[in-house]
Amino acid sequence: MEPVSHLFTAENQPLLRQFGGLLDAAGLRAAMLMLRMGLYRQTRSGTLAVGAAALAGRLRRST
């Protein structure tokens, strides 16, 4: 989404940058960023799964 970040509102551009930082982070740092941003899935189990993936360092940018 970064190539079209200029189309985001001024309020959402920092969130996009934070999300990019989340994808570059690993382990506890990634999980803490996720919590700080307030990211969640539609179900509690989905949110826990993404949190576990963050802790395991499995959230990454595609290359």
Protein backbone atom coordinates (compact mmCIF):
# COMPACT_ATOMS: atom_id res chain seq x y z
CA MET A 1 0.00 0.00 0.00
CA GLU A 2 2.96 2.31 0.35
CA PRO A 3 2.99 3.24 -3.37
CA VAL A 4 -0.48 4.75 -2.91
CA SER A 5 0.06 6.14 0.58
CA HIS A 6 -0.44 9.66 -0.77
CA LEU A 7 -4.09 8.73 -1.31
CA PHE A 8 -4.58 8.02 2.41
CA THR A 9 -5.96 10.68 4.70
CA ALA A 10 -3.53 12.60 6.85
CA GLU A 11 -4.91 10.69 9.84
CA ASN A 12 -4.26 7.28 8.28
CA GLN A 13 -0.79 7.89 6.81
CA PRO A 14 0.95 7.51 10.20
CA LEU A 15 -0.98 4.27 10.77
CA LEU A 16 0.30 2.91 7.47
CA ARG A 17 3.88 3.79 8.46
CA GLN A 18 3.38 2.12 11.86
CA PHE A 19 2.03 -0.98 10.15
CA GLY A 20 5.11 -1.04 7.92
CA GLY A 21 7.24 -0.89 11.07
CA LEU A 22 5.23 -3.76 12.51
CA LEU A 23 6.02 -5.89 9.46
CA ASP A 24 9.73 -5.12 9.87
CA ALA A 25 9.73 -5.97 13.59
CA ALA A 26 9.91 -9.41 15.14
CA GLY A 27 9.04 -11.10 18.38
CA LEU A 28 7.92 -9.15 21.40
CA ARG A 29 8.49 -5.81 19.67
CA ALA A 30 6.08 -6.76 16.86
CA ALA A 31 3.45 -7.95 19.33
CA MET A 32 3.76 -4.74 21.35
CA LEU A 33 3.41 -2.61 18.21
CA MET A 34 0.31 -4.59 17.28
CA LEU A 35 -1.23 -3.93 20.69
CA ARG A 36 -0.22 -0.26 20.67
CA MET A 37 -1.82 0.22 17.24
CA GLY A 38 -5.00 -1.51 18.39
CA LEU A 39 -4.98 -4.01 15.54
CA TYR A 40 -7.48 -6.82 15.77
CA ARG A 41 -9.27 -9.41 13.65
CA GLN A 42 -13.01 -10.03 13.59
CA THR A 43 -12.75 -12.85 16.10
CA ARG A 44 -10.81 -13.14 19.32
CA SER A 45 -9.18 -16.34 18.07
CA GLY A 46 -8.11 -14.53 14.88
CA THR A 47 -6.57 -11.71 16.89
CA LEU A 48 -4.73 -14.23 19.08
CA ALA A 49 -3.46 -16.04 15.97
CA VAL A 50 -2.04 -12.82 14.50
CA GLY A 51 -0.51 -11.94 17.88
CA ALA A 52 1.10 -15.38 18.05
CA ALA A 53 2.43 -14.94 14.52
CA ALA A 54 3.90 -11.57 15.52
CA LEU A 55 5.57 -13.12 18.57
CA ALA A 56 6.97 -15.92 16.40
CA GLY A 57 8.36 -13.41 13.91
CA ARG A 58 6.10 -14.67 11.12
CA LEU A 59 4.73 -11.28 10.03
CA ARG A 60 6.85 -10.05 7.15
CA ARG A 61 6.62 -7.97 4.01
CA SER A 62 6.35 -9.95 0.82
CA THR A 63 9.30 -9.53 -1.47
